[in-house]
Each structure stands twice: as C-alpha cells, then as structure tokens.
C-alpha cells in the first residue's frame, strides 16, 4: 500500500495494488472515488478535500481496524 498527497489539489490517493491496471472509476461520494480493475478489484482510493478528513494529510495515519465498509452488489 502506498499513500500520496497532492497539497495543491488537496487530494489523497491510497494505492492498494502495485502494477499496471486498466481501471474504471466508481464515484462513491462527491469526494471519494475508487479505481476498479477487472473483477472489481479495488486498485486505489482517491479522497478529495483530504485536509478536512485528516489532521495531517501529507502523512496520514490510517487505522484499518476501525475502517467500516459495506459491500453492495450491483
């Protein structure tokens, strides 16, 4: 996993899978989008307005044990 932050656009990107993938973007909310590869594999997560969500977006601490997610079939 690799996390990058673009201060100019206030965007945080969480890269979950390494390699080259042809992706489709699925907008989750106005500020969150998923990059999906074949088989609906989540390759990355983009968060716009990251400074509103993270105290220090340039070095965010993400605790996955508290991450809540709900998978909804299409």
C-alpha atoms as a PDB file:
ATOM      1  CA  UNK A   1       0.000   0.000   0.000  1.00  0.00           C
ATOM      2  CA  UNK A   2       1.291   3.452  -0.909  1.00  0.00           C
ATOM      3  CA  UNK A   3      -0.266   6.754   0.157  1.00  0.00           C
ATOM      4  CA  UNK A   4       0.410  10.013  -1.676  1.00  0.00           C
ATOM      5  CA  UNK A   5      -0.895  13.512  -1.025  1.00  0.00           C
ATOM      6  CA  UNK A   6      -1.075  16.385  -3.503  1.00  0.00           C
ATOM      7  CA  UNK A   7      -1.151  19.572  -1.450  1.00  0.00           C
ATOM      8  CA  UNK A   8      -2.051  21.786  -4.427  1.00  0.00           C
ATOM      9  CA  UNK A   9      -5.256  19.866  -5.191  1.00  0.00           C
ATOM     10  CA  UNK A  10      -5.769  18.681  -1.564  1.00  0.00           C
ATOM     11  CA  UNK A  11      -6.148  15.117  -2.859  1.00  0.00           C
ATOM     12  CA  UNK A  12      -5.050  11.936  -1.102  1.00  0.00           C
ATOM     13  CA  UNK A  13      -4.517   8.726  -3.072  1.00  0.00           C
ATOM     14  CA  UNK A  14      -4.235   5.301  -1.490  1.00  0.00           C
ATOM     15  CA  UNK A  15      -2.703   2.783  -3.898  1.00  0.00           C
ATOM     16  CA  UNK A  16      -3.677  -0.714  -2.763  1.00  0.00           C
ATOM     17  CA  UNK A  17      -2.291  -2.862  -5.604  1.00  0.00           C
ATOM     18  CA  UNK A  18       1.030  -2.479  -7.417  1.00  0.00           C
ATOM     19  CA  UNK A  19       1.299  -2.900 -11.161  1.00  0.00           C
ATOM     20  CA  UNK A  20      -0.374  -1.574 -14.278  1.00  0.00           C
ATOM     21  CA  UNK A  21      -4.134  -1.923 -14.456  1.00  0.00           C
ATOM     22  CA  UNK A  22      -6.799  -0.707 -16.810  1.00  0.00           C
ATOM     23  CA  UNK A  23      -9.252   0.864 -14.377  1.00  0.00           C
ATOM     24  CA  UNK A  24     -12.726   2.277 -14.283  1.00  0.00           C
ATOM     25  CA  UNK A  25     -13.585   4.972 -11.754  1.00  0.00           C
ATOM     26  CA  UNK A  26     -16.526   4.426  -9.430  1.00  0.00           C
ATOM     27  CA  UNK A  27     -17.608   7.560  -7.586  1.00  0.00           C
ATOM     28  CA  UNK A  28     -18.600   6.618  -4.012  1.00  0.00           C
ATOM     29  CA  UNK A  29     -19.353  10.130  -2.756  1.00  0.00           C
ATOM     30  CA  UNK A  30     -18.686  13.617  -4.067  1.00  0.00           C
ATOM     31  CA  UNK A  31     -15.197  13.433  -2.528  1.00  0.00           C
ATOM     32  CA  UNK A  32     -14.303   9.723  -2.742  1.00  0.00           C
ATOM     33  CA  UNK A  33     -13.676   7.571  -5.812  1.00  0.00           C
ATOM     34  CA  UNK A  34     -12.462   4.007  -6.294  1.00  0.00           C
ATOM     35  CA  UNK A  35     -10.239   2.836  -9.133  1.00  0.00           C
ATOM     36  CA  UNK A  36     -11.517  -0.622 -10.100  1.00  0.00           C
ATOM     37  CA  UNK A  37      -9.668  -3.173 -12.230  1.00  0.00           C
ATOM     38  CA  UNK A  38     -11.123  -6.294 -13.864  1.00  0.00           C
ATOM     39  CA  UNK A  39     -13.120  -8.407 -11.443  1.00  0.00           C
ATOM     40  CA  UNK A  40     -13.949  -5.282  -9.410  1.00  0.00           C
ATOM     41  CA  UNK A  41     -10.553  -5.349  -7.681  1.00  0.00           C
ATOM     42  CA  UNK A  42     -10.003  -2.064  -5.859  1.00  0.00           C
ATOM     43  CA  UNK A  43      -6.664  -0.733  -7.084  1.00  0.00           C
ATOM     44  CA  UNK A  44      -6.823   2.666  -5.396  1.00  0.00           C
ATOM     45  CA  UNK A  45      -8.903   5.155  -3.464  1.00  0.00           C
ATOM     46  CA  UNK A  46      -8.920   8.890  -4.167  1.00  0.00           C
ATOM     47  CA  UNK A  47     -10.057  11.326  -1.486  1.00  0.00           C
ATOM     48  CA  UNK A  48     -10.659  14.957  -2.469  1.00  0.00           C
ATOM     49  CA  UNK A  49     -10.618  17.618   0.239  1.00  0.00           C
ATOM     50  CA  UNK A  50      -8.305  15.423   2.303  1.00  0.00           C
ATOM     51  CA  UNK A  51      -7.339  18.220   4.705  1.00  0.00           C
ATOM     52  CA  UNK A  52     -10.927  18.201   6.014  1.00  0.00           C
ATOM     53  CA  UNK A  53     -10.677  14.493   6.867  1.00  0.00           C
ATOM     54  CA  UNK A  54      -7.085  14.082   8.041  1.00  0.00           C
ATOM     55  CA  UNK A  55      -5.215  16.170  10.586  1.00  0.00           C
ATOM     56  CA  UNK A  56      -2.004  15.829   8.550  1.00  0.00           C
ATOM     57  CA  UNK A  57      -2.934  14.641   5.045  1.00  0.00           C
ATOM     58  CA  UNK A  58       0.719  14.758   3.961  1.00  0.00           C
ATOM     59  CA  UNK A  59       1.416  11.939   6.458  1.00  0.00           C
ATOM     60  CA  UNK A  60      -1.960  10.382   7.303  1.00  0.00           C
ATOM     61  CA  UNK A  61      -2.383   7.672   9.873  1.00  0.00           C
ATOM     62  CA  UNK A  62      -4.972   5.179   8.724  1.00  0.00           C
ATOM     63  CA  UNK A  63      -6.121   2.569  11.208  1.00  0.00           C
ATOM     64  CA  UNK A  64      -7.711  -0.193   9.143  1.00  0.00           C
ATOM     65  CA  UNK A  65      -9.179  -1.968  12.166  1.00  0.00           C
ATOM     66  CA  UNK A  66     -11.643   0.915  12.557  1.00  0.00           C
ATOM     67  CA  UNK A  67     -12.464   1.105   8.864  1.00  0.00           C
ATOM     68  CA  UNK A  68     -16.115   0.346   8.263  1.00  0.00           C
ATOM     69  CA  UNK A  69     -17.213  -0.749   4.826  1.00  0.00           C
ATOM     70  CA  UNK A  70     -20.345  -2.127   3.293  1.00  0.00           C
ATOM     71  CA  UNK A  71     -20.257  -4.105   0.082  1.00  0.00           C
ATOM     72  CA  UNK A  72     -23.316  -3.648  -2.083  1.00  0.00           C
ATOM     73  CA  UNK A  73     -23.879  -5.790  -5.143  1.00  0.00           C
ATOM     74  CA  UNK A  74     -24.801  -4.047  -8.373  1.00  0.00           C
END
